[in-house]
Amino acid sequence: MSRVIVKLGGSLQSVGPANVEFEVEAANIHQLLQGLGKRYPELRSVLDQGVAVSIDGQIYNGARFQTIAEGAEVFLLPRLVGG
C-alpha cells in the first residue's frame, strides 16, 4: 500500500471540514475512500454523497479498483454527472 496525500477540490473545499488535505494508505480508489471515511469521520457525509477521484489529472468516476501509484497527485471532486 502507498501513502497517499488527498486534496479536496472544487466545491468540496467549502462543504468538507476545514482541512482540505488528508493522508491515507491505499493501493486503489476503494481503499482510499474506505480509509478516509475511517480515519476522518468528518468526511463521511461528503463521501456518502459520492465523489469523483482525480489521479494525476485523470478523473475516475466509479472506478473503485483503479490503482494509485506512490506519489500520485490525488483530488476528490464533486461527482460528475451528465452526458
PDB file of N, CA and C in Angstrom:
ATOM      1  N   MET A   1       0.824  -1.184   0.000  1.00  0.00           N
ATOM      2  CA  MET A   1       0.000   0.000   0.000  1.00  0.00           C
ATOM      3  C   MET A   1       0.871   1.250   0.000  1.00  0.00           C
ATOM      4  N   SER A   2       0.361   2.276  -0.640  1.00  0.00           N
ATOM      5  CA  SER A   2       1.075   3.544  -0.741  1.00  0.00           C
ATOM      6  C   SER A   2       0.461   4.571   0.207  1.00  0.00           C
ATOM      7  N   ARG A   3       1.310   5.442   0.705  1.00  0.00           N
ATOM      8  CA  ARG A   3       0.816   6.608   1.445  1.00  0.00           C
ATOM      9  C   ARG A   3       0.390   7.626   0.415  1.00  0.00           C
ATOM     10  N   VAL A   4      -0.849   8.076   0.530  1.00  0.00           N
ATOM     11  CA  VAL A   4      -1.417   8.973  -0.469  1.00  0.00           C
ATOM     12  C   VAL A   4      -1.864  10.265   0.212  1.00  0.00           C
ATOM     13  N   ILE A   5      -1.501  11.389  -0.365  1.00  0.00           N
ATOM     14  CA  ILE A   5      -1.999  12.689   0.073  1.00  0.00           C
ATOM     15  C   ILE A   5      -3.180  13.027  -0.829  1.00  0.00           C
ATOM     16  N   VAL A   6      -4.325  13.277  -0.225  1.00  0.00           N
ATOM     17  CA  VAL A   6      -5.559  13.556  -0.956  1.00  0.00           C
ATOM     18  C   VAL A   6      -5.987  14.983  -0.651  1.00  0.00           C
ATOM     19  N   LYS A   7      -6.369  15.705  -1.688  1.00  0.00           N
ATOM     20  CA  LYS A   7      -6.843  17.076  -1.518  1.00  0.00           C
ATOM     21  C   LYS A   7      -8.290  17.170  -1.974  1.00  0.00           C
ATOM     22  N   LEU A   8      -9.071  17.978  -1.274  1.00  0.00           N
ATOM     23  CA  LEU A   8     -10.440  18.249  -1.696  1.00  0.00           C
ATOM     24  C   LEU A   8     -10.392  19.321  -2.770  1.00  0.00           C
ATOM     25  N   GLY A   9     -11.106  19.101  -3.856  1.00  0.00           N
ATOM     26  CA  GLY A   9     -11.106  20.053  -4.955  1.00  0.00           C
ATOM     27  C   GLY A   9     -12.486  20.615  -5.212  1.00  0.00           C
ATOM     28  N   GLY A  10     -12.522  21.681  -5.954  1.00  0.00           N
ATOM     29  CA  GLY A  10     -13.791  22.297  -6.347  1.00  0.00           C
ATOM     30  C   GLY A  10     -14.638  22.692  -5.163  1.00  0.00           C
ATOM     31  N   SER A  11     -15.943  22.493  -5.294  1.00  0.00           N
ATOM     32  CA  SER A  11     -16.880  22.909  -4.248  1.00  0.00           C
ATOM     33  C   SER A  11     -16.753  22.081  -2.973  1.00  0.00           C
ATOM     34  N   LEU A  12     -16.048  20.950  -3.011  1.00  0.00           N
ATOM     35  CA  LEU A  12     -15.879  20.145  -1.794  1.00  0.00           C
ATOM     36  C   LEU A  12     -15.050  20.878  -0.743  1.00  0.00           C
ATOM     37  N   GLN A  13     -14.240  21.830  -1.158  1.00  0.00           N
ATOM     38  CA  GLN A  13     -13.437  22.579  -0.199  1.00  0.00           C
ATOM     39  C   GLN A  13     -14.316  23.344   0.778  1.00  0.00           C
ATOM     40  N   SER A  14     -15.458  23.827   0.324  1.00  0.00           N
ATOM     41  CA  SER A  14     -16.337  24.580   1.212  1.00  0.00           C
ATOM     42  C   SER A  14     -17.328  23.687   1.951  1.00  0.00           C
ATOM     43  N   VAL A  15     -17.559  22.479   1.457  1.00  0.00           N
ATOM     44  CA  VAL A  15     -18.519  21.569   2.077  1.00  0.00           C
ATOM     45  C   VAL A  15     -17.860  20.729   3.158  1.00  0.00           C
ATOM     46  N   GLY A  16     -16.624  20.340   2.945  1.00  0.00           N
ATOM     47  CA  GLY A  16     -15.917  19.454   3.864  1.00  0.00           C
ATOM     48  C   GLY A  16     -15.410  20.175   5.090  1.00  0.00           C
ATOM     49  N   PRO A  17     -14.630  19.473   5.884  1.00  0.00           N
ATOM     50  CA  PRO A  17     -14.050  20.071   7.085  1.00  0.00           C
ATOM     51  C   PRO A  17     -13.028  21.150   6.722  1.00  0.00           C
ATOM     52  N   ALA A  18     -12.562  21.880   7.724  1.00  0.00           N
ATOM     53  CA  ALA A  18     -11.620  22.986   7.495  1.00  0.00           C
ATOM     54  C   ALA A  18     -10.354  22.521   6.790  1.00  0.00           C
ATOM     55  N   ASN A  19      -9.896  21.332   7.105  1.00  0.00           N
ATOM     56  CA  ASN A  19      -8.692  20.783   6.483  1.00  0.00           C
ATOM     57  C   ASN A  19      -9.033  20.297   5.079  1.00  0.00           C
ATOM     58  N   VAL A  20      -8.275  20.674   4.069  1.00  0.00           N
ATOM     59  CA  VAL A  20      -8.561  20.240   2.696  1.00  0.00           C
ATOM     60  C   VAL A  20      -7.509  19.263   2.166  1.00  0.00           C
ATOM     61  N   GLU A  21      -6.589  18.824   3.013  1.00  0.00           N
ATOM     62  CA  GLU A  21      -5.566  17.868   2.611  1.00  0.00           C
ATOM     63  C   GLU A  21      -5.479  16.770   3.666  1.00  0.00           C
ATOM     64  N   PHE A  22      -5.506  15.506   3.217  1.00  0.00           N
ATOM     65  CA  PHE A  22      -5.553  14.361   4.115  1.00  0.00           C
ATOM     66  C   PHE A  22      -4.553  13.303   3.666  1.00  0.00           C
ATOM     67  N   GLU A  23      -4.071  12.526   4.602  1.00  0.00           N
ATOM     68  CA  GLU A  23      -3.134  11.452   4.282  1.00  0.00           C
ATOM     69  C   GLU A  23      -3.785  10.117   4.644  1.00  0.00           C
ATOM     70  N   VAL A  24      -3.645   9.142   3.750  1.00  0.00           N
ATOM     71  CA  VAL A  24      -4.215   7.813   3.975  1.00  0.00           C
ATOM     72  C   VAL A  24      -3.370   6.795   3.220  1.00  0.00           C
ATOM     73  N   GLU A  25      -3.375   5.545   3.685  1.00  0.00           N
ATOM     74  CA  GLU A  25      -2.694   4.466   2.966  1.00  0.00           C
ATOM     75  C   GLU A  25      -3.710   3.760   2.092  1.00  0.00           C
ATOM     76  N   ALA A  26      -3.379   3.615   0.817  1.00  0.00           N
ATOM     77  CA  ALA A  26      -4.309   2.989  -0.119  1.00  0.00           C
ATOM     78  C   ALA A  26      -3.572   2.544  -1.370  1.00  0.00           C
ATOM     79  N   ALA A  27      -4.021   1.419  -1.924  1.00  0.00           N
ATOM     80  CA  ALA A  27      -3.474   0.925  -3.186  1.00  0.00           C
ATOM     81  C   ALA A  27      -4.409   1.221  -4.348  1.00  0.00           C
ATOM     82  N   ASN A  28      -5.694   1.502  -4.027  1.00  0.00           N
ATOM     83  CA  ASN A  28      -6.666   1.793  -5.076  1.00  0.00           C
ATOM     84  C   ASN A  28      -7.727   2.753  -4.538  1.00  0.00           C
ATOM     85  N   ILE A  29      -8.640   3.172  -5.397  1.00  0.00           N
ATOM     86  CA  ILE A  29      -9.656   4.152  -5.006  1.00  0.00           C
ATOM     87  C   ILE A  29     -10.551   3.619  -3.895  1.00  0.00           C
ATOM     88  N   HIS A  30     -10.948   2.364  -3.974  1.00  0.00           N
ATOM     89  CA  HIS A  30     -11.799   1.771  -2.933  1.00  0.00           C
ATOM     90  C   HIS A  30     -11.137   1.885  -1.560  1.00  0.00           C
ATOM     91  N   GLN A  31      -9.885   1.494  -1.459  1.00  0.00           N
ATOM     92  CA  GLN A  31      -9.162   1.586  -0.193  1.00  0.00           C
ATOM     93  C   GLN A  31      -8.997   3.031   0.252  1.00  0.00           C
ATOM     94  N   LEU A  32      -8.795   3.918  -0.703  1.00  0.00           N
ATOM     95  CA  LEU A  32      -8.663   5.338  -0.403  1.00  0.00           C
ATOM     96  C   LEU A  32      -9.932   5.874   0.264  1.00  0.00           C
ATOM     97  N   LEU A  33     -11.079   5.614  -0.347  1.00  0.00           N
ATOM     98  CA  LEU A  33     -12.337   6.116   0.189  1.00  0.00           C
ATOM     99  C   LEU A  33     -12.679   5.473   1.528  1.00  0.00           C
ATOM    100  N   GLN A  34     -12.434   4.164   1.652  1.00  0.00           N
ATOM    101  CA  GLN A  34     -12.672   3.475   2.923  1.00  0.00           C
ATOM    102  C   GLN A  34     -11.776   4.041   4.016  1.00  0.00           C
ATOM    103  N   GLY A  35     -10.505   4.209   3.698  1.00  0.00           N
ATOM    104  CA  GLY A  35      -9.544   4.718   4.669  1.00  0.00           C
ATOM    105  C   GLY A  35      -9.862   6.142   5.112  1.00  0.00           C
ATOM    106  N   LEU A  36     -10.262   6.977   4.172  1.00  0.00           N
ATOM    107  CA  LEU A  36     -10.624   8.352   4.506  1.00  0.00           C
ATOM    108  C   LEU A  36     -11.827   8.384   5.439  1.00  0.00           C
ATOM    109  N   GLY A  37     -12.831   7.561   5.143  1.00  0.00           N
ATOM    110  CA  GLY A  37     -14.030   7.522   5.977  1.00  0.00           C
ATOM    111  C   GLY A  37     -13.749   7.057   7.394  1.00  0.00           C
ATOM    112  N   LYS A  38     -12.838   6.100   7.531  1.00  0.00           N
ATOM    113  CA  LYS A  38     -12.494   5.586   8.861  1.00  0.00           C
ATOM    114  C   LYS A  38     -11.605   6.554   9.627  1.00  0.00           C
ATOM    115  N   ARG A  39     -10.608   7.094   8.956  1.00  0.00           N
ATOM    116  CA  ARG A  39      -9.628   7.942   9.637  1.00  0.00           C
ATOM    117  C   ARG A  39     -10.143   9.363   9.872  1.00  0.00           C
ATOM    118  N   TYR A  40     -11.009   9.830   8.989  1.00  0.00           N
ATOM    119  CA  TYR A  40     -11.536  11.187   9.081  1.00  0.00           C
ATOM    120  C   TYR A  40     -13.067  11.139   9.018  1.00  0.00           C
ATOM    121  N   PRO A  41     -13.724  10.809  10.131  1.00  0.00           N
ATOM    122  CA  PRO A  41     -15.192  10.678  10.126  1.00  0.00           C
ATOM    123  C   PRO A  41     -15.917  11.933   9.644  1.00  0.00           C
ATOM    124  N   GLU A  42     -15.295  13.095   9.785  1.00  0.00           N
ATOM    125  CA  GLU A  42     -15.930  14.328   9.329  1.00  0.00           C
ATOM    126  C   GLU A  42     -16.098  14.368   7.811  1.00  0.00           C
ATOM    127  N   LEU A  43     -15.423  13.475   7.092  1.00  0.00           N
ATOM    128  CA  LEU A  43     -15.560  13.414   5.626  1.00  0.00           C
ATOM    129  C   LEU A  43     -16.666  12.473   5.172  1.00  0.00           C
ATOM    130  N   ARG A  44     -17.223  11.686   6.076  1.00  0.00           N
ATOM    131  CA  ARG A  44     -18.194  10.657   5.665  1.00  0.00           C
ATOM    132  C   ARG A  44     -19.372  11.221   4.895  1.00  0.00           C
ATOM    133  N   SER A  45     -19.908  12.362   5.319  1.00  0.00           N
ATOM    134  CA  SER A  45     -21.072  12.915   4.611  1.00  0.00           C
ATOM    135  C   SER A  45     -20.716  13.268   3.170  1.00  0.00           C
ATOM    136  N   VAL A  46     -19.522  13.790   2.960  1.00  0.00           N
ATOM    137  CA  VAL A  46     -19.064  14.120   1.603  1.00  0.00           C
ATOM    138  C   VAL A  46     -18.891  12.841   0.786  1.00  0.00           C
ATOM    139  N   LEU A  47     -18.280  11.816   1.371  1.00  0.00           N
ATOM    140  CA  LEU A  47     -18.042  10.557   0.665  1.00  0.00           C
ATOM    141  C   LEU A  47     -19.346   9.835   0.356  1.00  0.00           C
ATOM    142  N   ASP A  48     -20.322   9.903   1.284  1.00  0.00           N
ATOM    143  CA  ASP A  48     -21.609   9.250   1.076  1.00  0.00           C
ATOM    144  C   ASP A  48     -22.393   9.873  -0.077  1.00  0.00           C
ATOM    145  N   GLN A  49     -22.177  11.156  -0.339  1.00  0.00           N
ATOM    146  CA  GLN A  49     -22.851  11.832  -1.452  1.00  0.00           C
ATOM    147  C   GLN A  49     -22.289  11.378  -2.795  1.00  0.00           C
ATOM    148  N   GLY A  50     -21.092  10.815  -2.777  1.00  0.00           N
ATOM    149  CA  GLY A  50     -20.431  10.367  -3.995  1.00  0.00           C
ATOM    150  C   GLY A  50     -19.429  11.405  -4.474  1.00  0.00           C
ATOM    151  N   VAL A  51     -18.274  10.945  -4.865  1.00  0.00           N
ATOM    152  CA  VAL A  51     -17.217  11.820  -5.347  1.00  0.00           C
ATOM    153  C   VAL A  51     -16.561  11.204  -6.570  1.00  0.00           C
ATOM    154  N   ALA A  52     -15.955  12.050  -7.367  1.00  0.00           N
ATOM    155  CA  ALA A  52     -15.073  11.604  -8.438  1.00  0.00           C
ATOM    156  C   ALA A  52     -13.659  11.751  -7.901  1.00  0.00           C
ATOM    157  N   VAL A  53     -12.758  10.919  -8.386  1.00  0.00           N
ATOM    158  CA  VAL A  53     -11.374  10.955  -7.922  1.00  0.00           C
ATOM    159  C   VAL A  53     -10.482  11.273  -9.114  1.00  0.00           C
ATOM    160  N   SER A  54      -9.653  12.284  -8.942  1.00  0.00           N
ATOM    161  CA  SER A  54      -8.679  12.642  -9.966  1.00  0.00           C
ATOM    162  C   SER A  54      -7.307  12.139  -9.520  1.00  0.00           C
ATOM    163  N   ILE A  55      -6.684  11.318 -10.364  1.00  0.00           N
ATOM    164  CA  ILE A  55      -5.346  10.804 -10.091  1.00  0.00           C
ATOM    165  C   ILE A  55      -4.441  11.298 -11.212  1.00  0.00           C
ATOM    166  N   ASP A  56      -3.498  12.145 -10.848  1.00  0.00           N
ATOM    167  CA  ASP A  56      -2.578  12.733 -11.820  1.00  0.00           C
ATOM    168  C   ASP A  56      -3.308  13.332 -13.024  1.00  0.00           C
ATOM    169  N   GLY A  57      -4.420  14.026 -12.750  1.00  0.00           N
ATOM    170  CA  GLY A  57      -5.154  14.724 -13.801  1.00  0.00           C
ATOM    171  C   GLY A  57      -6.192  13.900 -14.532  1.00  0.00           C
ATOM    172  N   GLN A  58      -6.241  12.592 -14.320  1.00  0.00           N
ATOM    173  CA  GLN A  58      -7.232  11.719 -14.952  1.00  0.00           C
ATOM    174  C   GLN A  58      -8.378  11.509 -13.973  1.00  0.00           C
ATOM    175  N   ILE A  59      -9.617  11.818 -14.389  1.00  0.00           N
ATOM    176  CA  ILE A  59     -10.773  11.701 -13.495  1.00  0.00           C
ATOM    177  C   ILE A  59     -11.388  10.313 -13.603  1.00  0.00           C
ATOM    178  N   TYR A  60     -11.617   9.709 -12.421  1.00  0.00           N
ATOM    179  CA  TYR A  60     -12.234   8.393 -12.331  1.00  0.00           C
ATOM    180  C   TYR A  60     -13.541   8.545 -11.569  1.00  0.00           C
ATOM    181  N   ASN A  61     -14.631   8.164 -12.200  1.00  0.00           N
ATOM    182  CA  ASN A  61     -15.956   8.270 -11.612  1.00  0.00           C
ATOM    183  C   ASN A  61     -16.535   6.864 -11.531  1.00  0.00           C
ATOM    184  N   GLY A  62     -16.467   6.240 -10.360  1.00  0.00           N
ATOM    185  CA  GLY A  62     -16.996   4.894 -10.191  1.00  0.00           C
ATOM    186  C   GLY A  62     -15.984   3.787 -10.435  1.00  0.00           C
ATOM    187  N   ALA A  63     -14.743   4.082 -10.709  1.00  0.00           N
ATOM    188  CA  ALA A  63     -13.698   3.076 -10.952  1.00  0.00           C
ATOM    189  C   ALA A  63     -13.007   2.743  -9.640  1.00  0.00           C
ATOM    190  N   ARG A  64     -13.706   2.049  -8.767  1.00  0.00           N
ATOM    191  CA  ARG A  64     -13.260   1.847  -7.381  1.00  0.00           C
ATOM    192  C   ARG A  64     -11.953   1.069  -7.259  1.00  0.00           C
ATOM    193  N   PHE A  65     -11.602   0.266  -8.236  1.00  0.00           N
ATOM    194  CA  PHE A  65     -10.391  -0.543  -8.103  1.00  0.00           C
ATOM    195  C   PHE A  65      -9.233  -0.036  -8.971  1.00  0.00           C
ATOM    196  N   GLN A  66      -9.346   1.210  -9.419  1.00  0.00           N
ATOM    197  CA  GLN A  66      -8.239   1.861 -10.126  1.00  0.00           C
ATOM    198  C   GLN A  66      -7.072   2.011  -9.151  1.00  0.00           C
ATOM    199  N   THR A  67      -5.897   1.590  -9.559  1.00  0.00           N
ATOM    200  CA  THR A  67      -4.739   1.670  -8.666  1.00  0.00           C
ATOM    201  C   THR A  67      -4.243   3.116  -8.536  1.00  0.00           C
ATOM    202  N   ILE A  68      -3.575   3.358  -7.411  1.00  0.00           N
ATOM    203  CA  ILE A  68      -2.993   4.666  -7.130  1.00  0.00           C
ATOM    204  C   ILE A  68      -1.505   4.452  -6.858  1.00  0.00           C
ATOM    205  N   ALA A  69      -0.661   5.058  -7.666  1.00  0.00           N
ATOM    206  CA  ALA A  69       0.784   4.905  -7.519  1.00  0.00           C
ATOM    207  C   ALA A  69       1.301   5.794  -6.390  1.00  0.00           C
ATOM    208  N   GLU A  70       2.398   5.373  -5.794  1.00  0.00           N
ATOM    209  CA  GLU A  70       3.082   6.172  -4.783  1.00  0.00           C
ATOM    210  C   GLU A  70       3.411   7.541  -5.371  1.00  0.00           C
ATOM    211  N   GLY A  71       3.106   8.595  -4.634  1.00  0.00           N
ATOM    212  CA  GLY A  71       3.419   9.947  -5.069  1.00  0.00           C
ATOM    213  C   GLY A  71       2.443  10.547  -6.052  1.00  0.00           C
ATOM    214  N   ALA A  72       1.345   9.855  -6.343  1.00  0.00           N
ATOM    215  CA  ALA A  72       0.358  10.387  -7.283  1.00  0.00           C
ATOM    216  C   ALA A  72      -0.324  11.616  -6.693  1.00  0.00           C
ATOM    217  N   GLU A  73      -0.726  12.533  -7.552  1.00  0.00           N
ATOM    218  CA  GLU A  73      -1.490  13.703  -7.134  1.00  0.00           C
ATOM    219  C   GLU A  73      -2.965  13.302  -7.166  1.00  0.00           C
ATOM    220  N   VAL A  74      -3.615  13.332  -5.999  1.00  0.00           N
ATOM    221  CA  VAL A  74      -4.992  12.832  -5.890  1.00  0.00           C
ATOM    222  C   VAL A  74      -5.890  13.940  -5.355  1.00  0.00           C
ATOM    223  N   PHE A  75      -7.007  14.164  -6.067  1.00  0.00           N
ATOM    224  CA  PHE A  75      -8.016  15.129  -5.644  1.00  0.00           C
ATOM    225  C   PHE A  75      -9.368  14.434  -5.586  1.00  0.00           C
ATOM    226  N   LEU A  76     -10.185  14.770  -4.589  1.00  0.00           N
ATOM    227  CA  LEU A  76     -11.586  14.379  -4.561  1.00  0.00           C
ATOM    228  C   LEU A  76     -12.387  15.540  -5.106  1.00  0.00           C
ATOM    229  N   LEU A  77     -13.291  15.237  -6.032  1.00  0.00           N
ATOM    230  CA  LEU A  77     -14.097  16.261  -6.695  1.00  0.00           C
ATOM    231  C   LEU A  77     -15.570  15.909  -6.574  1.00  0.00           C
ATOM    232  N   PRO A  78     -16.460  16.884  -6.727  1.00  0.00           N
ATOM    233  CA  PRO A  78     -17.886  16.542  -6.765  1.00  0.00           C
ATOM    234  C   PRO A  78     -18.128  15.533  -7.874  1.00  0.00           C
ATOM    235  N   ARG A  79     -19.043  14.594  -7.635  1.00  0.00           N
ATOM    236  CA  ARG A  79     -19.331  13.561  -8.636  1.00  0.00           C
ATOM    237  C   ARG A  79     -19.763  14.212  -9.932  1.00  0.00           C
ATOM    238  N   LEU A  80     -19.223  13.715 -11.030  1.00  0.00           N
ATOM    239  CA  LEU A  80     -19.536  14.233 -12.356  1.00  0.00           C
ATOM    240  C   LEU A  80     -20.753  13.507 -12.908  1.00  0.00           C
ATOM    241  N   VAL A  81     -21.741  14.257 -13.382  1.00  0.00           N
ATOM    242  CA  VAL A  81     -22.940  13.658 -13.959  1.00  0.00           C
ATOM    243  C   VAL A  81     -23.211  14.305 -15.289  1.00  0.00           C
ATOM    244  N   GLY A  82     -24.022  13.660 -16.077  1.00  0.00           N
ATOM    245  CA  GLY A  82     -24.389  14.239 -17.368  1.00  0.00           C
ATOM    246  C   GLY A  82     -23.904  13.387 -18.522  1.00  0.00           C
ATOM    247  N   GLY A  83     -24.060  13.879 -19.697  1.00  0.00           N
ATOM    248  CA  GLY A  83     -23.713  13.082 -20.845  1.00  0.00           C
ATOM    249  C   GLY A  83     -22.882  13.752 -21.852  1.00  0.00           C
TER     250      GLY A  83
END
